[in-house]
């Protein structure tokens, strides 16, 4: 199983496999054909409340860990769990690239998803 996290603004690469946009909103200023998104499971993204809380905090390791815990709790909801399982199945068949507009993908919800999918 191979799961990667990349910024959606980076050009697609041949080894990206299935490209999954994991942001709730379409990335600003990006044409849909340029993004080459294969899947866009909006129900897999953090809630608006959680996203606002996280981006309102100082960027510390502690706040990322608390964000991760809260987000994983949201992912236990039936719709999100089903979507996570769908992406896990895709990853079982080949490479999946999780795409995000986040400026810091390593401390974003995409990284949380990648860790869960790698487990």
N, C-alpha and C. Protein backbone atom coordinates (compact mmCIF):
# COMPACT_ATOMS: atom_id res chain seq x y z
N UNK A 1 0.85 -1.17 0.00
CA UNK A 1 0.00 0.00 0.00
C UNK A 1 0.89 1.23 0.00
N UNK A 2 0.60 2.16 -0.91
CA UNK A 2 1.39 3.37 -1.00
C UNK A 2 0.47 4.58 -0.99
N UNK A 3 0.62 5.41 0.05
CA UNK A 3 -0.17 6.62 0.18
C UNK A 3 0.79 7.79 0.28
N UNK A 4 0.56 8.79 -0.56
CA UNK A 4 1.40 9.98 -0.57
C UNK A 4 0.53 11.19 -0.28
N UNK A 5 1.15 12.25 0.22
CA UNK A 5 0.47 13.52 0.43
C UNK A 5 1.21 14.57 -0.40
N UNK A 6 0.46 15.32 -1.20
CA UNK A 6 1.05 16.37 -2.02
C UNK A 6 0.14 17.58 -2.03
N UNK A 7 0.71 18.72 -2.30
CA UNK A 7 -0.11 19.92 -2.51
C UNK A 7 -0.78 19.81 -3.88
N UNK A 8 -2.02 20.16 -3.93
CA UNK A 8 -2.78 20.06 -5.17
C UNK A 8 -2.25 21.01 -6.23
N UNK A 9 -1.53 22.04 -5.82
CA UNK A 9 -0.97 23.01 -6.76
C UNK A 9 0.28 22.49 -7.48
N UNK A 10 0.87 21.41 -6.98
CA UNK A 10 2.02 20.81 -7.65
C UNK A 10 1.53 20.08 -8.90
N UNK A 11 2.32 20.10 -9.98
CA UNK A 11 1.88 19.41 -11.20
C UNK A 11 1.73 17.91 -10.97
N UNK A 12 0.74 17.30 -11.60
CA UNK A 12 0.58 15.85 -11.47
C UNK A 12 1.82 15.12 -11.96
N UNK A 13 2.09 13.98 -11.33
CA UNK A 13 3.22 13.15 -11.73
C UNK A 13 2.69 11.79 -12.17
N UNK A 14 3.38 11.13 -13.08
CA UNK A 14 2.91 9.84 -13.58
C UNK A 14 2.72 8.78 -12.49
N UNK A 15 3.53 8.85 -11.42
CA UNK A 15 3.43 7.83 -10.38
C UNK A 15 2.48 8.21 -9.24
N UNK A 16 1.61 9.22 -9.46
CA UNK A 16 0.65 9.62 -8.43
C UNK A 16 -0.43 8.57 -8.19
N UNK A 17 -0.69 7.73 -9.17
CA UNK A 17 -1.77 6.76 -9.02
C UNK A 17 -3.11 7.49 -8.99
N UNK A 18 -3.99 7.05 -8.09
CA UNK A 18 -5.30 7.68 -7.96
C UNK A 18 -5.12 8.96 -7.15
N UNK A 19 -5.56 10.08 -7.71
CA UNK A 19 -5.42 11.39 -7.07
C UNK A 19 -6.72 11.73 -6.37
N UNK A 20 -6.64 11.90 -5.04
CA UNK A 20 -7.82 12.12 -4.21
C UNK A 20 -7.71 13.48 -3.53
N UNK A 21 -8.61 14.38 -3.87
CA UNK A 21 -8.64 15.70 -3.22
C UNK A 21 -9.33 15.52 -1.88
N UNK A 22 -8.65 15.91 -0.80
CA UNK A 22 -9.20 15.71 0.55
C UNK A 22 -9.53 17.04 1.23
N UNK A 23 -9.79 18.07 0.44
CA UNK A 23 -10.25 19.37 0.96
C UNK A 23 -11.74 19.51 0.67
N UNK A 24 -12.45 20.18 1.56
CA UNK A 24 -13.89 20.36 1.38
C UNK A 24 -14.20 21.34 0.25
N UNK A 25 -13.37 22.39 0.13
CA UNK A 25 -13.58 23.40 -0.90
C UNK A 25 -12.58 23.21 -2.04
N UNK A 26 -13.01 23.56 -3.26
CA UNK A 26 -12.10 23.47 -4.40
C UNK A 26 -10.97 24.48 -4.20
N UNK A 27 -9.73 24.11 -4.47
CA UNK A 27 -8.59 25.01 -4.28
C UNK A 27 -8.70 26.27 -5.13
N UNK A 28 -8.48 27.38 -4.48
CA UNK A 28 -8.59 28.69 -5.11
C UNK A 28 -7.61 28.83 -6.27
N UNK A 29 -8.13 29.29 -7.41
CA UNK A 29 -7.30 29.60 -8.56
C UNK A 29 -6.81 28.41 -9.35
N UNK A 30 -7.35 27.22 -9.11
CA UNK A 30 -6.88 26.02 -9.79
C UNK A 30 -7.98 25.49 -10.72
N UNK A 31 -7.63 25.35 -11.99
CA UNK A 31 -8.59 24.81 -12.96
C UNK A 31 -8.77 23.31 -12.71
N UNK A 32 -10.00 22.85 -12.83
CA UNK A 32 -10.29 21.44 -12.56
C UNK A 32 -9.53 20.49 -13.47
N UNK A 33 -9.38 20.83 -14.73
CA UNK A 33 -8.64 19.94 -15.63
C UNK A 33 -7.15 19.90 -15.30
N UNK A 34 -6.60 20.98 -14.78
CA UNK A 34 -5.18 21.02 -14.42
C UNK A 34 -4.89 20.18 -13.17
N UNK A 35 -5.88 20.04 -12.30
CA UNK A 35 -5.68 19.31 -11.04
C UNK A 35 -5.67 17.80 -11.23
N UNK A 36 -6.31 17.33 -12.27
CA UNK A 36 -6.41 15.88 -12.52
C UNK A 36 -6.83 15.11 -11.27
N UNK A 37 -7.94 15.49 -10.70
CA UNK A 37 -8.47 14.83 -9.50
C UNK A 37 -9.36 13.66 -9.93
N UNK A 38 -9.10 12.49 -9.36
CA UNK A 38 -9.90 11.31 -9.68
C UNK A 38 -11.07 11.13 -8.72
N UNK A 39 -10.86 11.48 -7.46
CA UNK A 39 -11.89 11.33 -6.43
C UNK A 39 -11.90 12.59 -5.57
N UNK A 40 -13.10 12.96 -5.08
CA UNK A 40 -13.23 14.12 -4.20
C UNK A 40 -14.26 13.80 -3.13
N UNK A 41 -13.88 13.00 -2.12
CA UNK A 41 -14.80 12.61 -1.05
C UNK A 41 -14.94 13.70 0.02
N UNK A 42 -15.82 14.66 -0.22
CA UNK A 42 -15.96 15.81 0.69
C UNK A 42 -16.33 15.39 2.11
N UNK A 43 -17.03 14.28 2.26
CA UNK A 43 -17.42 13.82 3.59
C UNK A 43 -16.26 13.28 4.42
N UNK A 44 -15.09 13.21 3.83
CA UNK A 44 -13.90 12.72 4.52
C UNK A 44 -13.09 13.87 5.13
N UNK A 45 -13.51 15.09 4.89
CA UNK A 45 -12.77 16.26 5.34
C UNK A 45 -13.19 16.65 6.76
N UNK A 46 -12.34 17.39 7.46
CA UNK A 46 -12.70 17.85 8.81
C UNK A 46 -13.92 18.78 8.78
N UNK A 47 -14.68 18.76 9.84
CA UNK A 47 -15.83 19.65 9.93
C UNK A 47 -15.37 21.11 9.90
N UNK A 48 -16.28 21.99 9.55
CA UNK A 48 -15.97 23.42 9.52
C UNK A 48 -15.52 23.88 10.90
N UNK A 49 -16.20 23.41 11.94
CA UNK A 49 -15.85 23.82 13.30
C UNK A 49 -14.43 23.39 13.67
N UNK A 50 -14.08 22.15 13.35
CA UNK A 50 -12.75 21.65 13.67
C UNK A 50 -11.69 22.41 12.87
N UNK A 51 -11.97 22.63 11.62
CA UNK A 51 -11.01 23.35 10.76
C UNK A 51 -10.77 24.76 11.30
N UNK A 52 -11.84 25.45 11.68
CA UNK A 52 -11.69 26.81 12.21
C UNK A 52 -10.93 26.79 13.53
N UNK A 53 -11.22 25.82 14.38
CA UNK A 53 -10.50 25.71 15.66
C UNK A 53 -9.02 25.52 15.41
N UNK A 54 -8.67 24.60 14.53
CA UNK A 54 -7.26 24.28 14.30
C UNK A 54 -6.52 25.47 13.70
N UNK A 55 -7.11 26.12 12.75
CA UNK A 55 -6.42 27.24 12.10
C UNK A 55 -6.40 28.48 12.98
N UNK A 56 -7.21 28.49 14.03
CA UNK A 56 -7.20 29.61 14.97
C UNK A 56 -6.17 29.44 16.07
N UNK A 57 -5.62 28.23 16.21
CA UNK A 57 -4.62 27.94 17.25
C UNK A 57 -3.22 28.29 16.74
N UNK A 58 -2.32 28.46 17.70
CA UNK A 58 -0.92 28.59 17.30
C UNK A 58 -0.49 27.26 16.71
N UNK A 59 0.40 27.30 15.75
CA UNK A 59 0.88 26.08 15.11
C UNK A 59 1.90 25.38 16.01
N UNK A 60 1.41 24.56 16.92
CA UNK A 60 2.30 23.82 17.80
C UNK A 60 2.04 22.33 17.63
N UNK A 61 3.00 21.55 18.02
CA UNK A 61 2.84 20.11 17.96
C UNK A 61 1.65 19.66 18.79
N UNK A 62 1.47 20.29 19.95
CA UNK A 62 0.36 19.92 20.83
C UNK A 62 -0.98 20.17 20.14
N UNK A 63 -1.13 21.30 19.46
CA UNK A 63 -2.40 21.57 18.80
C UNK A 63 -2.62 20.61 17.64
N UNK A 64 -1.56 20.21 16.93
CA UNK A 64 -1.73 19.23 15.86
C UNK A 64 -2.16 17.89 16.43
N UNK A 65 -1.58 17.49 17.55
CA UNK A 65 -1.97 16.22 18.16
C UNK A 65 -3.44 16.24 18.61
N UNK A 66 -3.87 17.36 19.18
CA UNK A 66 -5.27 17.46 19.58
C UNK A 66 -6.18 17.49 18.35
N UNK A 67 -5.75 18.20 17.31
CA UNK A 67 -6.49 18.21 16.05
C UNK A 67 -6.63 16.79 15.51
N UNK A 68 -5.52 16.05 15.51
CA UNK A 68 -5.52 14.67 15.01
C UNK A 68 -6.54 13.84 15.76
N UNK A 69 -6.54 13.94 17.09
CA UNK A 69 -7.48 13.16 17.90
C UNK A 69 -8.93 13.52 17.59
N UNK A 70 -9.20 14.82 17.48
CA UNK A 70 -10.57 15.27 17.18
C UNK A 70 -11.00 14.84 15.78
N UNK A 71 -10.07 14.94 14.84
CA UNK A 71 -10.38 14.56 13.47
C UNK A 71 -10.61 13.05 13.36
N UNK A 72 -9.79 12.26 14.02
CA UNK A 72 -10.00 10.82 14.01
C UNK A 72 -11.36 10.46 14.60
N UNK A 73 -11.80 11.20 15.62
CA UNK A 73 -13.14 10.96 16.19
C UNK A 73 -14.21 11.27 15.15
N UNK A 74 -14.03 12.34 14.38
CA UNK A 74 -14.99 12.65 13.31
C UNK A 74 -14.99 11.57 12.23
N UNK A 75 -13.84 11.00 11.97
CA UNK A 75 -13.74 9.96 10.93
C UNK A 75 -14.43 8.66 11.33
N UNK A 76 -14.80 8.53 12.59
CA UNK A 76 -15.51 7.33 13.05
C UNK A 76 -17.00 7.38 12.68
N UNK A 77 -17.51 8.55 12.30
CA UNK A 77 -18.91 8.66 11.89
C UNK A 77 -19.14 7.80 10.65
N UNK A 78 -20.34 7.24 10.50
CA UNK A 78 -20.58 6.28 9.40
C UNK A 78 -20.19 6.75 8.00
N UNK A 79 -20.60 7.96 7.59
CA UNK A 79 -20.28 8.41 6.24
C UNK A 79 -18.78 8.52 6.04
N UNK A 80 -18.09 9.14 6.99
CA UNK A 80 -16.64 9.31 6.89
C UNK A 80 -15.94 7.96 6.92
N UNK A 81 -16.40 7.06 7.77
CA UNK A 81 -15.77 5.73 7.86
C UNK A 81 -15.92 4.98 6.54
N UNK A 82 -17.07 5.10 5.90
CA UNK A 82 -17.27 4.45 4.60
C UNK A 82 -16.35 5.04 3.54
N UNK A 83 -16.21 6.35 3.53
CA UNK A 83 -15.33 7.00 2.56
C UNK A 83 -13.86 6.65 2.82
N UNK A 84 -13.48 6.57 4.09
CA UNK A 84 -12.12 6.18 4.43
C UNK A 84 -11.84 4.76 3.96
N UNK A 85 -12.81 3.90 4.12
CA UNK A 85 -12.66 2.51 3.66
C UNK A 85 -12.52 2.46 2.14
N UNK A 86 -13.27 3.29 1.43
CA UNK A 86 -13.17 3.36 -0.04
C UNK A 86 -11.75 3.76 -0.46
N UNK A 87 -11.19 4.76 0.19
CA UNK A 87 -9.82 5.20 -0.14
C UNK A 87 -8.83 4.11 0.26
N UNK A 88 -9.07 3.43 1.36
CA UNK A 88 -8.19 2.33 1.78
C UNK A 88 -8.20 1.22 0.73
N UNK A 89 -9.36 0.93 0.16
CA UNK A 89 -9.46 -0.09 -0.90
C UNK A 89 -8.66 0.35 -2.14
N UNK A 90 -8.77 1.62 -2.50
CA UNK A 90 -8.00 2.14 -3.63
C UNK A 90 -6.50 1.99 -3.36
N UNK A 91 -6.08 2.31 -2.14
CA UNK A 91 -4.67 2.20 -1.78
C UNK A 91 -4.20 0.76 -1.79
N UNK A 92 -5.10 -0.17 -1.51
CA UNK A 92 -4.75 -1.58 -1.56
C UNK A 92 -4.47 -2.07 -2.96
N UNK A 93 -4.96 -1.34 -3.94
CA UNK A 93 -4.78 -1.72 -5.35
C UNK A 93 -3.60 -1.01 -6.01
N UNK A 94 -3.10 0.05 -5.38
CA UNK A 94 -2.00 0.81 -5.98
C UNK A 94 -1.80 2.13 -5.25
N UNK A 95 -0.99 2.96 -5.82
CA UNK A 95 -0.67 4.24 -5.19
C UNK A 95 -1.87 5.17 -5.15
N UNK A 96 -2.02 5.84 -4.01
CA UNK A 96 -3.03 6.88 -3.84
C UNK A 96 -2.29 8.14 -3.39
N UNK A 97 -2.58 9.24 -4.04
CA UNK A 97 -2.01 10.53 -3.66
C UNK A 97 -3.12 11.40 -3.10
N UNK A 98 -2.97 11.76 -1.83
CA UNK A 98 -3.93 12.65 -1.18
C UNK A 98 -3.51 14.08 -1.48
N UNK A 99 -4.42 14.84 -2.03
CA UNK A 99 -4.14 16.21 -2.45
C UNK A 99 -4.79 17.21 -1.51
N UNK A 100 -4.04 18.24 -1.15
CA UNK A 100 -4.56 19.29 -0.29
C UNK A 100 -3.98 20.63 -0.71
N UNK A 101 -4.73 21.68 -0.45
CA UNK A 101 -4.24 23.03 -0.72
C UNK A 101 -3.45 23.58 0.46
N UNK A 102 -3.40 22.84 1.55
CA UNK A 102 -2.71 23.29 2.76
C UNK A 102 -1.27 23.67 2.45
N UNK A 103 -0.84 24.77 3.04
CA UNK A 103 0.55 25.22 2.86
C UNK A 103 1.52 24.34 3.64
N UNK A 104 1.03 23.63 4.65
CA UNK A 104 1.84 22.73 5.47
C UNK A 104 1.19 21.34 5.50
N UNK A 105 1.32 20.59 4.42
CA UNK A 105 0.65 19.29 4.36
C UNK A 105 1.06 18.33 5.48
N UNK A 106 2.27 18.46 6.00
CA UNK A 106 2.75 17.56 7.05
C UNK A 106 2.05 17.73 8.38
N UNK A 107 1.37 18.85 8.57
CA UNK A 107 0.58 19.07 9.80
C UNK A 107 -0.86 19.41 9.42
N UNK A 108 -1.38 18.69 8.45
CA UNK A 108 -2.74 18.92 7.98
C UNK A 108 -3.56 17.64 8.12
N UNK A 109 -4.82 17.76 7.83
CA UNK A 109 -5.72 16.60 7.86
C UNK A 109 -5.29 15.54 6.85
N UNK A 110 -4.64 15.94 5.77
CA UNK A 110 -4.17 14.97 4.78
C UNK A 110 -3.13 14.04 5.39
N UNK A 111 -2.28 14.58 6.24
CA UNK A 111 -1.27 13.75 6.92
C UNK A 111 -1.95 12.77 7.88
N UNK A 112 -2.98 13.22 8.57
CA UNK A 112 -3.73 12.33 9.47
C UNK A 112 -4.33 11.18 8.66
N UNK A 113 -4.94 11.50 7.52
CA UNK A 113 -5.51 10.46 6.66
C UNK A 113 -4.44 9.49 6.18
N UNK A 114 -3.31 10.02 5.75
CA UNK A 114 -2.23 9.16 5.24
C UNK A 114 -1.77 8.18 6.32
N UNK A 115 -1.63 8.66 7.56
CA UNK A 115 -1.21 7.78 8.66
C UNK A 115 -2.26 6.68 8.92
N UNK A 116 -3.53 7.08 8.88
CA UNK A 116 -4.58 6.09 9.10
C UNK A 116 -4.60 5.04 7.99
N UNK A 117 -4.38 5.48 6.77
CA UNK A 117 -4.39 4.56 5.64
C UNK A 117 -3.18 3.64 5.63
N UNK A 118 -2.07 4.10 6.17
CA UNK A 118 -0.86 3.28 6.23
C UNK A 118 -0.91 2.22 7.32
N UNK A 119 -1.79 2.42 8.31
CA UNK A 119 -1.89 1.46 9.43
C UNK A 119 -2.50 0.15 8.98
